[in-house]
Amino acid sequence: MPVIGITGGIATGKSLFLKALLKAAPSAHFDADTYVHMLLATDERVCAEISAAFGPAVLHRDGGVDRSRLRGLVFSDAGARRQLERIIHPRVREAWLSQAETCRADDAVFYADIPLLYETASESYFDRVVVVACSPQSQRERMRTQRELAPELIERMITAQLDLAVKVARADHLIWNDSTATAVDDQACCFAGWLRQRYG
């Protein structure tokens, strides 16, 4: 059974699609963003490494990482971002890869929502890659209204990732999220039907 990678750009709707896909075709799954949030909030070793790299000011009093402060730092300094990636990426890869291998051994479908799937050269592991995309206008508007980010930070965050058009061109499947949640649900149902037809 296949291991399905789900990726896209910031605020394009990857989590929305994964939620819809799990409703249409329930299966084991991994959400990289959720896993990273857990690491930054509760993993003492990760927090210690980040504090050593960026200073104790990036930590909350409870020891967890202040994600807003860290985000502002790493998206204004490419070197700092690469340093953070060296701390985070290996742990994320180890987590999803372990779950994926278990599902392969059990002949079960596995979904992995990996925002930086192409950037980390992980695509060769997946049987199919789904890219969730939207227009640049929708992407920026969501980041501004839903995440309340400043325009300058929005642009730095978008340009830090591989261009969305490149991801779209490399995708095995494209989900277009420029409309409503219902439209994403419909596309998830179509993809779930394709999975059943292709893999049984």
Protein backbone atom coordinates (compact mmCIF):
# COMPACT_ATOMS: atom_id res chain seq x y z
CA MET A 1 0.00 0.00 0.00
CA PRO A 2 1.23 3.51 -0.74
CA VAL A 3 2.93 6.16 1.33
CA ILE A 4 1.39 9.48 0.28
CA GLY A 5 3.23 12.75 0.75
CA ILE A 6 1.19 15.94 1.13
CA THR A 7 2.91 19.27 0.70
CA GLY A 8 2.45 22.80 -0.63
CA GLY A 9 3.15 26.32 0.52
CA ILE A 10 2.49 28.19 3.72
CA ALA A 11 -1.26 28.74 4.22
CA THR A 12 -2.28 26.88 1.07
CA GLY A 13 -4.49 24.46 3.00
CA LYS A 14 -2.47 21.28 3.54
CA SER A 15 -4.01 20.60 6.94
CA LEU A 16 -7.49 21.27 5.57
CA PHE A 17 -6.92 18.74 2.80
CA LEU A 18 -5.46 16.14 5.18
CA LYS A 19 -8.51 16.48 7.45
CA ALA A 20 -10.82 16.01 4.48
CA LEU A 21 -8.82 13.06 3.19
CA LEU A 22 -8.92 11.34 6.57
CA LYS A 23 -12.69 11.68 6.51
CA ALA A 24 -12.94 10.27 3.00
CA ALA A 25 -10.30 7.54 3.44
CA PRO A 26 -9.20 7.08 7.08
CA SER A 27 -5.64 5.92 7.57
CA ALA A 28 -2.52 6.39 9.67
CA HIS A 29 -1.00 9.84 9.22
CA PHE A 30 1.69 12.27 10.30
CA ASP A 31 1.44 16.06 10.51
CA ALA A 32 4.89 17.66 10.52
CA ASP A 33 3.67 21.04 11.77
CA THR A 34 1.92 19.46 14.75
CA TYR A 35 5.00 17.39 15.51
CA VAL A 36 7.29 20.45 15.38
CA HIS A 37 4.95 22.38 17.69
CA MET A 38 5.16 19.48 20.14
CA LEU A 39 8.97 19.44 19.95
CA LEU A 40 9.19 23.18 20.58
CA ALA A 41 6.78 23.03 23.50
CA THR A 42 7.82 19.86 25.33
CA ASP A 43 11.10 18.34 24.13
CA GLU A 44 13.71 19.48 26.65
CA ARG A 45 16.66 18.50 24.47
CA VAL A 46 15.33 20.41 21.48
CA CYS A 47 14.60 23.46 23.60
CA ALA A 48 18.08 23.32 25.09
CA GLU A 49 19.70 23.11 21.65
CA ILE A 50 17.63 26.03 20.40
CA SER A 51 18.48 28.07 23.49
CA ALA A 52 22.18 27.32 22.98
CA ALA A 53 21.96 28.33 19.33
CA PHE A 54 19.81 31.46 19.62
CA GLY A 55 20.00 32.51 23.25
CA PRO A 56 17.62 32.00 26.22
CA ALA A 57 15.43 34.90 25.07
CA VAL A 58 13.74 32.56 22.59
CA LEU A 59 12.33 30.45 25.44
CA HIS A 60 9.22 30.97 27.53
CA ARG A 61 9.51 30.85 31.31
CA ASP A 62 8.19 27.26 31.27
CA GLY A 63 11.11 26.24 29.06
CA GLY A 64 9.20 25.89 25.81
CA VAL A 65 10.20 27.84 22.71
CA ASP A 66 8.57 31.18 21.97
CA ARG A 67 7.62 30.32 18.39
CA SER A 68 6.72 33.89 17.45
CA ARG A 69 10.09 35.24 18.57
CA LEU A 70 11.98 32.37 16.96
CA ARG A 71 10.06 32.79 13.71
CA GLY A 72 10.94 36.46 13.51
CA LEU A 73 14.59 35.61 14.07
CA VAL A 74 15.01 32.78 11.59
CA PHE A 75 13.04 34.41 8.80
CA SER A 76 15.24 37.49 8.95
CA ASP A 77 18.50 35.52 8.83
CA ALA A 78 19.01 32.65 6.37
CA GLY A 79 21.93 31.34 8.41
CA ALA A 80 19.80 31.18 11.55
CA ARG A 81 17.07 29.39 9.62
CA ARG A 82 19.50 26.76 8.38
CA GLN A 83 20.78 26.33 11.94
CA LEU A 84 17.24 25.74 13.20
CA GLU A 85 16.59 23.30 10.36
CA ARG A 86 19.63 21.26 11.38
CA ILE A 87 18.07 20.87 14.83
CA ILE A 88 14.50 20.16 13.71
CA HIS A 89 14.57 18.40 10.34
CA PRO A 90 16.38 15.19 11.35
CA ARG A 91 13.92 14.63 14.19
CA VAL A 92 10.91 15.24 11.96
CA ARG A 93 12.26 12.92 9.28
CA GLU A 94 13.00 10.19 11.81
CA ALA A 95 9.45 10.42 13.19
CA TRP A 96 7.54 10.23 9.92
CA LEU A 97 9.91 7.70 8.38
CA SER A 98 9.48 5.35 11.32
CA GLN A 99 5.69 5.52 11.06
CA ALA A 100 5.79 5.11 7.29
CA GLU A 101 7.99 2.03 7.52
CA THR A 102 5.61 0.47 10.04
CA CYS A 103 2.68 1.06 7.69
CA ARG A 104 4.58 -0.38 4.72
CA ALA A 105 5.32 -3.50 6.76
CA ASP A 106 1.64 -3.76 7.69
CA ASP A 107 0.52 -3.09 4.09
CA ALA A 108 -1.41 -0.01 5.21
CA VAL A 109 -1.81 3.40 3.55
CA PHE A 110 0.09 6.23 5.23
CA TYR A 111 -0.31 9.98 4.74
CA ALA A 112 2.47 12.41 5.67
CA ASP A 113 1.85 16.17 5.65
CA ILE A 114 5.37 17.54 5.13
CA PRO A 115 5.51 21.27 4.25
CA LEU A 116 9.18 21.10 3.25
CA LEU A 117 8.95 17.75 1.46
CA TYR A 118 10.72 18.95 -1.70
CA GLU A 119 13.09 21.28 0.16
CA THR A 120 14.37 18.32 2.20
CA ALA A 121 14.68 16.09 -0.90
CA SER A 122 12.23 13.56 0.55
CA GLU A 123 10.04 13.00 -2.52
CA SER A 124 11.78 9.81 -3.65
CA TYR A 125 10.47 7.98 -0.59
CA PHE A 126 6.81 8.58 -1.39
CA ASP A 127 4.72 6.59 -3.83
CA ARG A 128 2.69 9.68 -4.70
CA VAL A 129 3.03 13.36 -3.80
CA VAL A 130 0.01 15.64 -3.49
CA VAL A 131 0.60 19.38 -3.67
CA VAL A 132 -2.04 21.67 -2.16
CA ALA A 133 -1.87 25.08 -3.79
CA CYS A 134 -3.77 28.33 -4.15
CA SER A 135 -3.29 31.72 -5.76
CA PRO A 136 -0.57 34.02 -4.39
CA GLN A 137 -3.28 36.48 -3.42
CA SER A 138 -5.17 33.92 -1.33
CA GLN A 139 -1.97 32.69 0.29
CA ARG A 140 -0.95 36.17 1.41
CA GLU A 141 -4.44 37.12 2.54
CA ARG A 142 -4.70 34.03 4.73
CA MET A 143 -1.33 34.72 6.31
CA ARG A 144 -2.37 38.32 6.97
CA THR A 145 -5.85 37.66 8.37
CA GLN A 146 -5.61 34.19 9.92
CA ARG A 147 -2.07 34.38 11.27
CA GLU A 148 -1.90 38.16 11.71
CA LEU A 149 1.57 38.40 10.20
CA ALA A 150 3.19 41.58 8.94
CA PRO A 151 3.59 41.93 5.13
CA GLU A 152 7.40 41.90 5.33
CA LEU A 153 7.43 38.68 7.34
CA ILE A 154 4.90 37.11 4.99
CA GLU A 155 7.17 37.73 2.02
CA ARG A 156 10.24 36.39 3.84
CA MET A 157 8.39 33.23 4.86
CA ILE A 158 7.10 32.57 1.35
CA THR A 159 10.44 33.16 -0.34
CA ALA A 160 12.18 30.87 2.18
CA GLN A 161 10.32 27.93 0.61
CA LEU A 162 10.65 26.46 -2.85
CA ASP A 163 8.48 28.41 -5.27
CA LEU A 164 4.93 27.07 -5.19
CA ALA A 165 4.76 26.88 -9.00
CA VAL A 166 7.77 24.55 -8.95
CA LYS A 167 6.05 22.30 -6.42
CA VAL A 168 2.92 22.25 -8.57
CA ALA A 169 4.96 21.25 -11.61
CA ARG A 170 6.57 18.38 -9.70
CA ALA A 171 3.37 17.06 -8.12
CA ASP A 172 1.73 13.75 -8.93
CA HIS A 173 -1.61 15.23 -7.85
CA LEU A 174 -2.76 18.82 -7.41
CA ILE A 175 -5.40 20.07 -4.97
CA TRP A 176 -6.50 23.64 -5.69
CA ASN A 177 -7.68 25.50 -2.59
CA ASP A 178 -8.83 28.91 -3.76
CA SER A 179 -12.50 28.51 -2.98
CA THR A 180 -14.35 26.84 -0.11
CA ALA A 181 -13.76 24.01 2.34
CA THR A 182 -16.47 22.10 0.48
CA ALA A 183 -14.41 22.30 -2.70
CA VAL A 184 -11.45 20.79 -0.83
CA ASP A 185 -13.73 18.06 0.55
CA ASP A 186 -14.83 17.22 -2.99
CA GLN A 187 -11.26 16.99 -4.22
CA ALA A 188 -10.31 14.82 -1.24
CA CYS A 189 -13.17 12.45 -2.07
CA CYS A 190 -11.98 12.26 -5.67
CA PHE A 191 -8.44 11.51 -4.57
CA ALA A 192 -9.67 8.89 -2.07
CA GLY A 193 -11.60 7.23 -4.90
CA TRP A 194 -8.48 7.23 -7.06
CA LEU A 195 -6.50 5.62 -4.24
CA ARG A 196 -9.07 2.85 -3.87
CA GLN A 197 -9.13 2.26 -7.61
CA ARG A 198 -5.33 2.24 -7.90
CA TYR A 199 -4.38 0.34 -4.76
CA GLY A 200 -7.53 -1.46 -3.66
